Amino acid sequence: LPLVALEAGRHRRAVVATATGGLPDLLAGGRGVVVPAPDLAALAAAVEATLADPEAARSRAAALQDHVDAHFTVAAVAPLWWDALVG
């Protein structure tokens, strides 16, 4: 799990990342910006674009927070773990 991105989402922060690990799935659907790895020019351009459009960044951050709250909080995950352990 991309812990830093999950924490950023929990705190409603915009995320720009390279397409590694679980980041593409976490940031899909307008929840963040993902660029190909290891394209540093694309990463820099995505960061600049995010800073230049704070309203879009806020919207993506809110969507990420909603997703993290729905799928990755203790309240969301604990019942799944409980069912796996007991079942």
PDB file of N, CA and C in Angstrom:
ATOM      1  N   LEU A   1       0.833  -1.194   0.000  1.00  0.00           N
ATOM      2  CA  LEU A   1       0.000   0.000   0.000  1.00  0.00           C
ATOM      3  C   LEU A   1       0.870   1.247   0.000  1.00  0.00           C
ATOM      4  N   PRO A   2       0.469   2.243  -0.734  1.00  0.00           N
ATOM      5  CA  PRO A   2       1.224   3.506  -0.773  1.00  0.00           C
ATOM      6  C   PRO A   2       0.870   4.362   0.446  1.00  0.00           C
ATOM      7  N   LEU A   3       1.529   4.097   1.565  1.00  0.00           N
ATOM      8  CA  LEU A   3       1.175   4.708   2.841  1.00  0.00           C
ATOM      9  C   LEU A   3       1.210   6.231   2.816  1.00  0.00           C
ATOM     10  N   VAL A   4       2.215   6.819   2.212  1.00  0.00           N
ATOM     11  CA  VAL A   4       2.304   8.283   2.182  1.00  0.00           C
ATOM     12  C   VAL A   4       1.105   8.871   1.439  1.00  0.00           C
ATOM     13  N   ALA A   5       0.727   8.268   0.327  1.00  0.00           N
ATOM     14  CA  ALA A   5      -0.428   8.762  -0.423  1.00  0.00           C
ATOM     15  C   ALA A   5      -1.721   8.556   0.366  1.00  0.00           C
ATOM     16  N   LEU A   6      -1.836   7.446   1.089  1.00  0.00           N
ATOM     17  CA  LEU A   6      -3.009   7.226   1.936  1.00  0.00           C
ATOM     18  C   LEU A   6      -3.087   8.294   3.029  1.00  0.00           C
ATOM     19  N   GLU A   7      -1.967   8.583   3.648  1.00  0.00           N
ATOM     20  CA  GLU A   7      -1.946   9.617   4.689  1.00  0.00           C
ATOM     21  C   GLU A   7      -2.275  10.987   4.101  1.00  0.00           C
ATOM     22  N   ALA A   8      -1.755  11.282   2.929  1.00  0.00           N
ATOM     23  CA  ALA A   8      -2.073  12.550   2.269  1.00  0.00           C
ATOM     24  C   ALA A   8      -3.568  12.632   1.990  1.00  0.00           C
ATOM     25  N   GLY A   9      -4.129  11.544   1.515  1.00  0.00           N
ATOM     26  CA  GLY A   9      -5.558  11.522   1.255  1.00  0.00           C
ATOM     27  C   GLY A   9      -6.369  11.710   2.513  1.00  0.00           C
ATOM     28  N   ARG A  10      -5.957  11.076   3.574  1.00  0.00           N
ATOM     29  CA  ARG A  10      -6.675  11.204   4.843  1.00  0.00           C
ATOM     30  C   ARG A  10      -6.704  12.660   5.300  1.00  0.00           C
ATOM     31  N   HIS A  11      -5.657  13.402   4.983  1.00  0.00           N
ATOM     32  CA  HIS A  11      -5.561  14.815   5.376  1.00  0.00           C
ATOM     33  C   HIS A  11      -5.956  15.769   4.247  1.00  0.00           C
ATOM     34  N   ARG A  12      -6.624  15.225   3.228  1.00  0.00           N
ATOM     35  CA  ARG A  12      -7.147  16.011   2.107  1.00  0.00           C
ATOM     36  C   ARG A  12      -6.056  16.834   1.422  1.00  0.00           C
ATOM     37  N   ARG A  13      -4.999  16.156   1.034  1.00  0.00           N
ATOM     38  CA  ARG A  13      -3.905  16.782   0.298  1.00  0.00           C
ATOM     39  C   ARG A  13      -3.838  16.192  -1.103  1.00  0.00           C
ATOM     40  N   ALA A  14      -3.583  17.032  -2.074  1.00  0.00           N
ATOM     41  CA  ALA A  14      -3.453  16.577  -3.455  1.00  0.00           C
ATOM     42  C   ALA A  14      -2.193  15.725  -3.596  1.00  0.00           C
ATOM     43  N   VAL A  15      -2.289  14.706  -4.425  1.00  0.00           N
ATOM     44  CA  VAL A  15      -1.162  13.792  -4.629  1.00  0.00           C
ATOM     45  C   VAL A  15      -0.814  13.736  -6.116  1.00  0.00           C
ATOM     46  N   VAL A  16       0.470  13.887  -6.387  1.00  0.00           N
ATOM     47  CA  VAL A  16       1.047  13.686  -7.713  1.00  0.00           C
ATOM     48  C   VAL A  16       2.104  12.600  -7.528  1.00  0.00           C
ATOM     49  N   ALA A  17       2.033  11.547  -8.339  1.00  0.00           N
ATOM     50  CA  ALA A  17       2.941  10.423  -8.129  1.00  0.00           C
ATOM     51  C   ALA A  17       3.296   9.758  -9.449  1.00  0.00           C
ATOM     52  N   THR A  18       4.334   8.935  -9.388  1.00  0.00           N
ATOM     53  CA  THR A  18       4.675   8.117 -10.540  1.00  0.00           C
ATOM     54  C   THR A  18       3.905   6.804 -10.453  1.00  0.00           C
ATOM     55  N   ALA A  19       3.728   6.178 -11.592  1.00  0.00           N
ATOM     56  CA  ALA A  19       2.941   4.949 -11.691  1.00  0.00           C
ATOM     57  C   ALA A  19       3.737   3.760 -11.175  1.00  0.00           C
ATOM     58  N   THR A  20       3.794   3.643  -9.864  1.00  0.00           N
ATOM     59  CA  THR A  20       4.484   2.515  -9.239  1.00  0.00           C
ATOM     60  C   THR A  20       3.585   1.928  -8.163  1.00  0.00           C
ATOM     61  N   GLY A  21       3.765   0.659  -7.899  1.00  0.00           N
ATOM     62  CA  GLY A  21       3.017  -0.007  -6.840  1.00  0.00           C
ATOM     63  C   GLY A  21       1.512   0.174  -6.978  1.00  0.00           C
ATOM     64  N   GLY A  22       0.861   0.469  -5.867  1.00  0.00           N
ATOM     65  CA  GLY A  22      -0.583   0.640  -5.849  1.00  0.00           C
ATOM     66  C   GLY A  22      -1.064   2.043  -6.138  1.00  0.00           C
ATOM     67  N   LEU A  23      -0.150   2.947  -6.460  1.00  0.00           N
ATOM     68  CA  LEU A  23      -0.536   4.340  -6.686  1.00  0.00           C
ATOM     69  C   LEU A  23      -1.513   4.529  -7.843  1.00  0.00           C
ATOM     70  N   PRO A  24      -1.333   3.877  -8.987  1.00  0.00           N
ATOM     71  CA  PRO A  24      -2.311   4.077 -10.063  1.00  0.00           C
ATOM     72  C   PRO A  24      -3.737   3.717  -9.644  1.00  0.00           C
ATOM     73  N   ASP A  25      -3.903   2.637  -8.903  1.00  0.00           N
ATOM     74  CA  ASP A  25      -5.240   2.252  -8.451  1.00  0.00           C
ATOM     75  C   ASP A  25      -5.786   3.234  -7.419  1.00  0.00           C
ATOM     76  N   LEU A  26      -4.967   3.621  -6.470  1.00  0.00           N
ATOM     77  CA  LEU A  26      -5.408   4.542  -5.426  1.00  0.00           C
ATOM     78  C   LEU A  26      -5.814   5.888  -6.014  1.00  0.00           C
ATOM     79  N   LEU A  27      -5.073   6.370  -6.988  1.00  0.00           N
ATOM     80  CA  LEU A  27      -5.300   7.718  -7.520  1.00  0.00           C
ATOM     81  C   LEU A  27      -6.179   7.736  -8.771  1.00  0.00           C
ATOM     82  N   ALA A  28      -6.713   6.578  -9.156  1.00  0.00           N
ATOM     83  CA  ALA A  28      -7.585   6.499 -10.335  1.00  0.00           C
ATOM     84  C   ALA A  28      -8.869   7.292 -10.109  1.00  0.00           C
ATOM     85  N   GLY A  29      -9.561   7.546 -11.183  1.00  0.00           N
ATOM     86  CA  GLY A  29     -10.869   8.182 -11.091  1.00  0.00           C
ATOM     87  C   GLY A  29     -10.841   9.624 -10.633  1.00  0.00           C
ATOM     88  N   GLY A  30      -9.753  10.320 -10.942  1.00  0.00           N
ATOM     89  CA  GLY A  30      -9.681  11.727 -10.571  1.00  0.00           C
ATOM     90  C   GLY A  30      -9.299  11.990  -9.132  1.00  0.00           C
ATOM     91  N   ARG A  31      -8.740  10.964  -8.452  1.00  0.00           N
ATOM     92  CA  ARG A  31      -8.336  11.145  -7.048  1.00  0.00           C
ATOM     93  C   ARG A  31      -6.904  11.653  -6.919  1.00  0.00           C
ATOM     94  N   GLY A  32      -6.189  11.749  -8.018  1.00  0.00           N
ATOM     95  CA  GLY A  32      -4.811  12.215  -8.001  1.00  0.00           C
ATOM     96  C   GLY A  32      -4.272  12.238  -9.411  1.00  0.00           C
ATOM     97  N   VAL A  33      -3.006  12.579  -9.522  1.00  0.00           N
ATOM     98  CA  VAL A  33      -2.345  12.633 -10.828  1.00  0.00           C
ATOM     99  C   VAL A  33      -1.226  11.604 -10.827  1.00  0.00           C
ATOM    100  N   VAL A  34      -1.233  10.759 -11.843  1.00  0.00           N
ATOM    101  CA  VAL A  34      -0.214   9.723 -11.982  1.00  0.00           C
ATOM    102  C   VAL A  34       0.494   9.929 -13.313  1.00  0.00           C
ATOM    103  N   VAL A  35       1.816   9.915 -13.265  1.00  0.00           N
ATOM    104  CA  VAL A  35       2.633  10.044 -14.477  1.00  0.00           C
ATOM    105  C   VAL A  35       3.491   8.790 -14.611  1.00  0.00           C
ATOM    106  N   PRO A  36       3.956   8.504 -15.823  1.00  0.00           N
ATOM    107  CA  PRO A  36       4.794   7.317 -16.000  1.00  0.00           C
ATOM    108  C   PRO A  36       6.101   7.430 -15.212  1.00  0.00           C
ATOM    109  N   ALA A  37       6.553   6.298 -14.697  1.00  0.00           N
ATOM    110  CA  ALA A  37       7.859   6.257 -14.036  1.00  0.00           C
ATOM    111  C   ALA A  37       8.880   5.822 -15.078  1.00  0.00           C
ATOM    112  N   PRO A  38      10.047   6.328 -15.071  1.00  0.00           N
ATOM    113  CA  PRO A  38      10.654   7.349 -14.221  1.00  0.00           C
ATOM    114  C   PRO A  38      10.738   8.709 -14.912  1.00  0.00           C
ATOM    115  N   ASP A  39       9.655   9.170 -15.474  1.00  0.00           N
ATOM    116  CA  ASP A  39       9.639  10.414 -16.252  1.00  0.00           C
ATOM    117  C   ASP A  39       9.634  11.643 -15.340  1.00  0.00           C
ATOM    118  N   LEU A  40      10.824  12.114 -14.993  1.00  0.00           N
ATOM    119  CA  LEU A  40      10.933  13.258 -14.076  1.00  0.00           C
ATOM    120  C   LEU A  40      10.369  14.541 -14.668  1.00  0.00           C
ATOM    121  N   ALA A  41      10.479  14.715 -15.979  1.00  0.00           N
ATOM    122  CA  ALA A  41       9.918  15.903 -16.615  1.00  0.00           C
ATOM    123  C   ALA A  41       8.393  15.904 -16.490  1.00  0.00           C
ATOM    124  N   ALA A  42       7.788  14.742 -16.688  1.00  0.00           N
ATOM    125  CA  ALA A  42       6.325  14.636 -16.548  1.00  0.00           C
ATOM    126  C   ALA A  42       5.908  14.858 -15.107  1.00  0.00           C
ATOM    127  N   LEU A  43       6.699  14.348 -14.164  1.00  0.00           N
ATOM    128  CA  LEU A  43       6.394  14.549 -12.746  1.00  0.00           C
ATOM    129  C   LEU A  43       6.462  16.025 -12.394  1.00  0.00           C
ATOM    130  N   ALA A  44       7.506  16.701 -12.838  1.00  0.00           N
ATOM    131  CA  ALA A  44       7.644  18.140 -12.566  1.00  0.00           C
ATOM    132  C   ALA A  44       6.493  18.923 -13.203  1.00  0.00           C
ATOM    133  N   ALA A  45       6.132  18.572 -14.421  1.00  0.00           N
ATOM    134  CA  ALA A  45       5.033  19.261 -15.103  1.00  0.00           C
ATOM    135  C   ALA A  45       3.709  19.035 -14.377  1.00  0.00           C
ATOM    136  N   ALA A  46       3.498  17.828 -13.870  1.00  0.00           N
ATOM    137  CA  ALA A  46       2.260  17.531 -13.140  1.00  0.00           C
ATOM    138  C   ALA A  46       2.201  18.298 -11.824  1.00  0.00           C
ATOM    139  N   VAL A  47       3.329  18.425 -11.146  1.00  0.00           N
ATOM    140  CA  VAL A  47       3.372  19.216  -9.913  1.00  0.00           C
ATOM    141  C   VAL A  47       3.085  20.678 -10.221  1.00  0.00           C
ATOM    142  N   GLU A  48       3.708  21.202 -11.261  1.00  0.00           N
ATOM    143  CA  GLU A  48       3.458  22.597 -11.653  1.00  0.00           C
ATOM    144  C   GLU A  48       1.994  22.813 -12.013  1.00  0.00           C
ATOM    145  N   ALA A  49       1.403  21.889 -12.752  1.00  0.00           N
ATOM    146  CA  ALA A  49      -0.005  22.010 -13.138  1.00  0.00           C
ATOM    147  C   ALA A  49      -0.910  21.951 -11.916  1.00  0.00           C
ATOM    148  N   THR A  50      -0.562  21.124 -10.955  1.00  0.00           N
ATOM    149  CA  THR A  50      -1.352  21.019  -9.729  1.00  0.00           C
ATOM    150  C   THR A  50      -1.284  22.312  -8.938  1.00  0.00           C
ATOM    151  N   LEU A  51      -0.105  22.882  -8.832  1.00  0.00           N
ATOM    152  CA  LEU A  51       0.044  24.152  -8.111  1.00  0.00           C
ATOM    153  C   LEU A  51      -0.644  25.302  -8.836  1.00  0.00           C
ATOM    154  N   ALA A  52      -0.704  25.225 -10.153  1.00  0.00           N
ATOM    155  CA  ALA A  52      -1.311  26.298 -10.947  1.00  0.00           C
ATOM    156  C   ALA A  52      -2.843  26.259 -10.927  1.00  0.00           C
ATOM    157  N   ASP A  53      -3.417  25.134 -10.534  1.00  0.00           N
ATOM    158  CA  ASP A  53      -4.874  24.992 -10.515  1.00  0.00           C
ATOM    159  C   ASP A  53      -5.324  24.468  -9.156  1.00  0.00           C
ATOM    160  N   PRO A  54      -5.325  25.343  -8.143  1.00  0.00           N
ATOM    161  CA  PRO A  54      -5.653  24.891  -6.790  1.00  0.00           C
ATOM    162  C   PRO A  54      -7.069  24.333  -6.655  1.00  0.00           C
ATOM    163  N   GLU A  55      -8.008  24.825  -7.452  1.00  0.00           N
ATOM    164  CA  GLU A  55      -9.381  24.306  -7.356  1.00  0.00           C
ATOM    165  C   GLU A  55      -9.431  22.837  -7.794  1.00  0.00           C
ATOM    166  N   ALA A  56      -8.768  22.515  -8.881  1.00  0.00           N
ATOM    167  CA  ALA A  56      -8.706  21.123  -9.332  1.00  0.00           C
ATOM    168  C   ALA A  56      -7.972  20.263  -8.307  1.00  0.00           C
ATOM    169  N   ALA A  57      -6.910  20.796  -7.731  1.00  0.00           N
ATOM    170  CA  ALA A  57      -6.166  20.062  -6.704  1.00  0.00           C
ATOM    171  C   ALA A  57      -7.051  19.783  -5.493  1.00  0.00           C
ATOM    172  N   ARG A  58      -7.842  20.769  -5.073  1.00  0.00           N
ATOM    173  CA  ARG A  58      -8.756  20.573  -3.940  1.00  0.00           C
ATOM    174  C   ARG A  58      -9.803  19.512  -4.265  1.00  0.00           C
ATOM    175  N   SER A  59     -10.300  19.529  -5.476  1.00  0.00           N
ATOM    176  CA  SER A  59     -11.298  18.548  -5.885  1.00  0.00           C
ATOM    177  C   SER A  59     -10.721  17.133  -5.864  1.00  0.00           C
ATOM    178  N   ARG A  60      -9.522  16.958  -6.402  1.00  0.00           N
ATOM    179  CA  ARG A  60      -8.872  15.642  -6.373  1.00  0.00           C
ATOM    180  C   ARG A  60      -8.581  15.212  -4.944  1.00  0.00           C
ATOM    181  N   ALA A  61      -8.136  16.152  -4.114  1.00  0.00           N
ATOM    182  CA  ALA A  61      -7.834  15.835  -2.717  1.00  0.00           C
ATOM    183  C   ALA A  61      -9.092  15.403  -1.970  1.00  0.00           C
ATOM    184  N   ALA A  62     -10.207  16.059  -2.220  1.00  0.00           N
ATOM    185  CA  ALA A  62     -11.466  15.688  -1.572  1.00  0.00           C
ATOM    186  C   ALA A  62     -11.910  14.297  -2.021  1.00  0.00           C
ATOM    187  N   ALA A  63     -11.764  14.014  -3.313  1.00  0.00           N
ATOM    188  CA  ALA A  63     -12.130  12.691  -3.828  1.00  0.00           C
ATOM    189  C   ALA A  63     -11.244  11.609  -3.218  1.00  0.00           C
ATOM    190  N   LEU A  64      -9.956  11.907  -3.069  1.00  0.00           N
ATOM    191  CA  LEU A  64      -9.040  10.949  -2.454  1.00  0.00           C
ATOM    192  C   LEU A  64      -9.404  10.735  -0.989  1.00  0.00           C
ATOM    193  N   GLN A  65      -9.711  11.800  -0.275  1.00  0.00           N
ATOM    194  CA  GLN A  65     -10.096  11.662   1.126  1.00  0.00           C
ATOM    195  C   GLN A  65     -11.354  10.793   1.264  1.00  0.00           C
ATOM    196  N   ASP A  66     -12.340  11.032   0.429  1.00  0.00           N
ATOM    197  CA  ASP A  66     -13.560  10.226   0.469  1.00  0.00           C
ATOM    198  C   ASP A  66     -13.247   8.745   0.224  1.00  0.00           C
ATOM    199  N   HIS A  67     -12.373   8.481  -0.742  1.00  0.00           N
ATOM    200  CA  HIS A  67     -12.002   7.102  -1.070  1.00  0.00           C
ATOM    201  C   HIS A  67     -11.246   6.449   0.087  1.00  0.00           C
ATOM    202  N   VAL A  68     -10.298   7.166   0.656  1.00  0.00           N
ATOM    203  CA  VAL A  68      -9.531   6.629   1.781  1.00  0.00           C
ATOM    204  C   VAL A  68     -10.454   6.366   2.966  1.00  0.00           C
ATOM    205  N   ASP A  69     -11.346   7.304   3.258  1.00  0.00           N
ATOM    206  CA  ASP A  69     -12.290   7.113   4.367  1.00  0.00           C
ATOM    207  C   ASP A  69     -13.181   5.893   4.147  1.00  0.00           C
ATOM    208  N   ALA A  70     -13.593   5.678   2.919  1.00  0.00           N
ATOM    209  CA  ALA A  70     -14.500   4.567   2.620  1.00  0.00           C
ATOM    210  C   ALA A  70     -13.806   3.206   2.597  1.00  0.00           C
ATOM    211  N   HIS A  71     -12.511   3.191   2.272  1.00  0.00           N
ATOM    212  CA  HIS A  71     -11.859   1.903   2.037  1.00  0.00           C
ATOM    213  C   HIS A  71     -10.645   1.589   2.904  1.00  0.00           C
ATOM    214  N   PHE A  72     -10.073   2.560   3.604  1.00  0.00           N
ATOM    215  CA  PHE A  72      -8.803   2.306   4.281  1.00  0.00           C
ATOM    216  C   PHE A  72      -8.753   2.716   5.751  1.00  0.00           C
ATOM    217  N   THR A  73      -9.832   3.211   6.319  1.00  0.00           N
ATOM    218  CA  THR A  73      -9.823   3.560   7.745  1.00  0.00           C
ATOM    219  C   THR A  73     -10.003   2.292   8.573  1.00  0.00           C
ATOM    220  N   VAL A  74      -9.762   2.400   9.860  1.00  0.00           N
ATOM    221  CA  VAL A  74      -9.965   1.261  10.757  1.00  0.00           C
ATOM    222  C   VAL A  74     -11.420   0.802  10.682  1.00  0.00           C
ATOM    223  N   ALA A  75     -12.346   1.751  10.645  1.00  0.00           N
ATOM    224  CA  ALA A  75     -13.771   1.390  10.575  1.00  0.00           C
ATOM    225  C   ALA A  75     -14.093   0.591   9.311  1.00  0.00           C
ATOM    226  N   ALA A  76     -13.411   0.877   8.237  1.00  0.00           N
ATOM    227  CA  ALA A  76     -13.656   0.163   6.983  1.00  0.00           C
ATOM    228  C   ALA A  76     -12.928  -1.174   6.926  1.00  0.00           C
ATOM    229  N   VAL A  77     -11.725  -1.228   7.471  1.00  0.00           N
ATOM    230  CA  VAL A  77     -10.878  -2.409   7.322  1.00  0.00           C
ATOM    231  C   VAL A  77     -11.059  -3.412   8.456  1.00  0.00           C
ATOM    232  N   ALA A  78     -11.333  -2.958   9.669  1.00  0.00           N
ATOM    233  CA  ALA A  78     -11.425  -3.865  10.820  1.00  0.00           C
ATOM    234  C   ALA A  78     -12.446  -4.985  10.620  1.00  0.00           C
ATOM    235  N   PRO A  79     -13.652  -4.688  10.117  1.00  0.00           N
ATOM    236  CA  PRO A  79     -14.594  -5.802   9.913  1.00  0.00           C
ATOM    237  C   PRO A  79     -14.083  -6.839   8.910  1.00  0.00           C
ATOM    238  N   LEU A  80     -13.348  -6.408   7.909  1.00  0.00           N
ATOM    239  CA  LEU A  80     -12.787  -7.341   6.934  1.00  0.00           C
ATOM    240  C   LEU A  80     -11.751  -8.252   7.587  1.00  0.00           C
ATOM    241  N   TRP A  81     -10.890  -7.641   8.397  1.00  0.00           N
ATOM    242  CA  TRP A  81      -9.886  -8.427   9.123  1.00  0.00           C
ATOM    243  C   TRP A  81     -10.549  -9.389  10.100  1.00  0.00           C
ATOM    244  N   TRP A  82     -11.562  -8.904  10.804  1.00  0.00           N
ATOM    245  CA  TRP A  82     -12.274  -9.738  11.770  1.00  0.00           C
ATOM    246  C   TRP A  82     -12.878 -10.960  11.070  1.00  0.00           C
ATOM    247  N   ASP A  83     -13.560 -10.715   9.960  1.00  0.00           N
ATOM    248  CA  ASP A  83     -14.171 -11.808   9.209  1.00  0.00           C
ATOM    249  C   ASP A  83     -13.119 -12.799   8.723  1.00  0.00           C
ATOM    250  N   ALA A  84     -11.966 -12.293   8.295  1.00  0.00           N
ATOM    251  CA  ALA A  84     -10.900 -13.168   7.819  1.00  0.00           C
ATOM    252  C   ALA A  84     -10.323 -14.001   8.961  1.00  0.00           C
ATOM    253  N   LEU A  85     -10.175 -13.402  10.134  1.00  0.00           N
ATOM    254  CA  LEU A  85      -9.604 -14.116  11.273  1.00  0.00           C
ATOM    255  C   LEU A  85     -10.589 -15.118  11.871  1.00  0.00           C
ATOM    256  N   VAL A  86     -11.824 -14.733  11.992  1.00  0.00           N
ATOM    257  CA  VAL A  86     -12.820 -15.603  12.612  1.00  0.00           C
ATOM    258  C   VAL A  86     -13.297 -16.671  11.629  1.00  0.00           C
ATOM    259  N   GLY A  87     -13.441 -16.259  10.355  1.00  0.00           N
ATOM    260  CA  GLY A  87     -13.938 -17.191   9.337  1.00  0.00           C
ATOM    261  C   GLY A  87     -12.876 -18.146   8.929  1.00  0.00           C
TER     262      GLY A  87
END
